N, C-alpha and C. Protein backbone atom coordinates (compact mmCIF):
# COMPACT_ATOMS: atom_id res chain seq x y z
N MET A 1 85.73 121.30 82.76
CA MET A 1 85.50 120.41 83.87
C MET A 1 84.18 119.67 83.69
N ASN A 2 83.14 120.38 83.28
CA ASN A 2 81.84 119.74 83.06
C ASN A 2 81.94 118.66 81.98
N ARG A 3 82.71 118.95 80.94
CA ARG A 3 82.89 117.98 79.86
C ARG A 3 83.59 116.72 80.38
N LEU A 4 84.63 116.92 81.21
CA LEU A 4 85.36 115.79 81.78
C LEU A 4 84.44 114.96 82.68
N LEU A 5 83.67 115.62 83.52
CA LEU A 5 82.75 114.90 84.40
C LEU A 5 81.71 114.12 83.59
N ALA A 6 81.24 114.71 82.52
CA ALA A 6 80.27 114.02 81.66
C ALA A 6 80.90 112.77 81.05
N LYS A 7 82.16 112.87 80.62
CA LYS A 7 82.85 111.71 80.05
C LYS A 7 83.01 110.61 81.09
N VAL A 8 83.34 110.99 82.30
CA VAL A 8 83.50 110.00 83.36
C VAL A 8 82.17 109.34 83.66
N GLU A 9 81.12 110.13 83.77
CA GLU A 9 79.79 109.57 84.03
C GLU A 9 79.38 108.59 82.93
N ASP A 10 79.75 108.90 81.68
CA ASP A 10 79.41 108.04 80.55
C ASP A 10 80.44 106.91 80.37
N GLN A 11 81.43 106.86 81.25
CA GLN A 11 82.53 105.90 81.19
C GLN A 11 83.29 106.01 79.87
N ASP A 12 83.40 107.22 79.36
CA ASP A 12 84.17 107.52 78.15
C ASP A 12 85.46 108.21 78.59
N HIS A 13 86.42 107.43 79.06
CA HIS A 13 87.64 107.98 79.61
C HIS A 13 88.80 107.05 79.26
N ALA A 14 90.00 107.50 79.57
CA ALA A 14 91.20 106.72 79.26
C ALA A 14 91.15 105.36 79.95
N ARG A 15 91.53 104.33 79.25
CA ARG A 15 91.58 102.98 79.81
C ARG A 15 92.96 102.76 80.41
N THR A 16 92.99 102.30 81.64
CA THR A 16 94.25 102.02 82.31
C THR A 16 94.03 100.95 83.35
N ARG A 17 95.09 100.26 83.70
CA ARG A 17 95.02 99.26 84.76
C ARG A 17 95.48 99.86 86.09
N ALA A 18 95.93 101.10 86.06
CA ALA A 18 96.42 101.74 87.27
C ALA A 18 95.32 101.85 88.32
N THR A 19 95.70 101.64 89.57
CA THR A 19 94.72 101.76 90.65
C THR A 19 94.68 103.21 91.13
N LEU A 20 93.63 103.53 91.84
CA LEU A 20 93.52 104.88 92.39
C LEU A 20 94.65 105.13 93.38
N GLY A 21 95.01 104.12 94.17
CA GLY A 21 96.10 104.27 95.12
C GLY A 21 97.42 104.62 94.43
N ALA A 22 97.72 103.94 93.34
CA ALA A 22 98.96 104.22 92.59
C ALA A 22 98.91 105.61 91.96
N ALA A 23 97.77 105.97 91.41
CA ALA A 23 97.63 107.30 90.82
C ALA A 23 97.77 108.38 91.88
N LEU A 24 97.20 108.15 93.04
CA LEU A 24 97.29 109.10 94.14
C LEU A 24 98.74 109.26 94.60
N ASP A 25 99.45 108.14 94.73
CA ASP A 25 100.87 108.20 95.11
C ASP A 25 101.68 109.00 94.09
N SER A 26 101.42 108.78 92.82
CA SER A 26 102.13 109.52 91.77
C SER A 26 101.84 111.00 91.86
N TRP A 27 100.59 111.34 92.06
CA TRP A 27 100.20 112.75 92.16
C TRP A 27 100.85 113.40 93.37
N LEU A 28 100.85 112.71 94.49
CA LEU A 28 101.44 113.29 95.71
C LEU A 28 102.94 113.53 95.54
N ARG A 29 103.63 112.72 94.74
CA ARG A 29 105.07 112.91 94.52
C ARG A 29 105.37 114.20 93.77
N VAL A 30 104.48 114.62 92.89
CA VAL A 30 104.79 115.79 92.06
C VAL A 30 103.98 117.03 92.41
N HIS A 31 102.96 116.90 93.24
CA HIS A 31 102.12 118.05 93.59
C HIS A 31 102.91 119.00 94.48
N GLU A 32 102.96 120.25 94.08
CA GLU A 32 103.76 121.23 94.80
C GLU A 32 102.94 121.94 95.87
N VAL A 33 103.19 121.56 97.13
CA VAL A 33 102.54 122.16 98.28
C VAL A 33 103.55 122.25 99.41
N GLU A 34 103.20 122.99 100.44
CA GLU A 34 104.06 123.07 101.63
C GLU A 34 104.16 121.68 102.26
N ALA A 35 105.24 121.45 102.98
CA ALA A 35 105.50 120.14 103.58
C ALA A 35 104.37 119.68 104.51
N ASN A 36 103.87 120.60 105.34
CA ASN A 36 102.82 120.18 106.27
C ASN A 36 101.50 119.89 105.55
N THR A 37 101.24 120.58 104.44
CA THR A 37 100.05 120.29 103.63
C THR A 37 100.19 118.92 103.00
N ARG A 38 101.38 118.62 102.48
CA ARG A 38 101.64 117.31 101.87
C ARG A 38 101.44 116.21 102.90
N GLN A 39 101.93 116.40 104.11
CA GLN A 39 101.77 115.41 105.17
C GLN A 39 100.30 115.17 105.47
N GLY A 40 99.52 116.24 105.49
CA GLY A 40 98.08 116.11 105.71
C GLY A 40 97.42 115.32 104.59
N TYR A 41 97.78 115.63 103.34
CA TYR A 41 97.23 114.90 102.18
C TYR A 41 97.59 113.42 102.27
N GLU A 42 98.87 113.15 102.58
CA GLU A 42 99.33 111.76 102.66
C GLU A 42 98.60 111.01 103.76
N ALA A 43 98.40 111.65 104.90
CA ALA A 43 97.70 111.01 106.02
C ALA A 43 96.25 110.72 105.63
N TYR A 44 95.59 111.68 105.01
CA TYR A 44 94.20 111.48 104.61
C TYR A 44 94.09 110.34 103.60
N ALA A 45 95.01 110.32 102.64
CA ALA A 45 95.02 109.25 101.64
C ALA A 45 95.24 107.89 102.30
N ARG A 46 96.21 107.82 103.21
CA ARG A 46 96.55 106.57 103.87
C ARG A 46 95.41 106.06 104.77
N LYS A 47 94.77 106.97 105.49
CA LYS A 47 93.75 106.57 106.46
C LYS A 47 92.36 106.39 105.87
N HIS A 48 92.05 107.13 104.81
CA HIS A 48 90.68 107.14 104.32
C HIS A 48 90.49 106.66 102.88
N ILE A 49 91.23 107.28 101.97
CA ILE A 49 91.00 106.98 100.55
C ILE A 49 91.53 105.61 100.16
N LYS A 50 92.78 105.33 100.50
CA LYS A 50 93.37 104.05 100.08
C LYS A 50 92.66 102.83 100.67
N PRO A 51 92.27 102.82 101.94
CA PRO A 51 91.56 101.65 102.44
C PRO A 51 90.23 101.40 101.71
N ALA A 52 89.56 102.46 101.32
CA ALA A 52 88.26 102.31 100.68
C ALA A 52 88.35 102.12 99.17
N LEU A 53 89.24 102.84 98.52
CA LEU A 53 89.28 102.86 97.06
C LEU A 53 90.66 102.63 96.45
N GLY A 54 91.66 102.37 97.27
CA GLY A 54 93.03 102.27 96.78
C GLY A 54 93.27 101.21 95.73
N GLN A 55 92.54 100.08 95.79
CA GLN A 55 92.75 98.99 94.84
C GLN A 55 91.80 99.06 93.64
N VAL A 56 90.96 100.07 93.61
CA VAL A 56 90.00 100.22 92.50
C VAL A 56 90.74 100.79 91.29
N PRO A 57 90.58 100.19 90.12
CA PRO A 57 91.19 100.76 88.92
C PRO A 57 90.66 102.18 88.68
N VAL A 58 91.53 103.06 88.25
CA VAL A 58 91.15 104.46 88.04
C VAL A 58 89.92 104.56 87.14
N GLY A 59 89.86 103.75 86.10
CA GLY A 59 88.74 103.79 85.17
C GLY A 59 87.40 103.38 85.78
N LYS A 60 87.44 102.75 86.94
CA LYS A 60 86.21 102.31 87.60
C LYS A 60 85.73 103.29 88.67
N VAL A 61 86.54 104.30 88.97
CA VAL A 61 86.17 105.26 90.00
C VAL A 61 85.17 106.24 89.40
N MET A 62 83.98 106.21 89.92
CA MET A 62 82.90 107.07 89.45
C MET A 62 82.57 108.10 90.53
N PRO A 63 81.97 109.19 90.16
CA PRO A 63 81.62 110.22 91.16
C PRO A 63 80.85 109.66 92.34
N ARG A 64 80.03 108.66 92.12
CA ARG A 64 79.26 108.10 93.24
C ARG A 64 80.17 107.45 94.28
N CYS A 65 81.38 107.02 93.89
CA CYS A 65 82.34 106.45 94.85
C CYS A 65 82.75 107.49 95.89
N TRP A 66 82.83 108.73 95.46
CA TRP A 66 83.32 109.79 96.35
C TRP A 66 82.27 110.18 97.39
N LYS A 67 81.03 109.77 97.21
CA LYS A 67 80.01 110.10 98.20
C LYS A 67 80.33 109.47 99.55
N THR A 68 81.16 108.45 99.55
CA THR A 68 81.62 107.81 100.78
C THR A 68 82.31 108.82 101.69
N PHE A 69 82.95 109.82 101.09
CA PHE A 69 83.76 110.76 101.85
C PHE A 69 83.06 112.08 102.16
N SER A 70 81.82 112.24 101.72
CA SER A 70 81.14 113.52 101.96
C SER A 70 80.30 113.48 103.20
């Protein structure tokens, strides 16, 4: 995990045009959780993450972006 975070900080990561919103939608489709947990995740993504970062390309999302949510 530390190695991955270091790569992201150094912007040494996979190049993609996918947005964070699209990646989040894909993850939510396959993530195995209880139905009510999934609904909570989807609501949080819809209300908070997607409006702020949904159109940002995945490769541009840096740890400092997440400080918005802390």
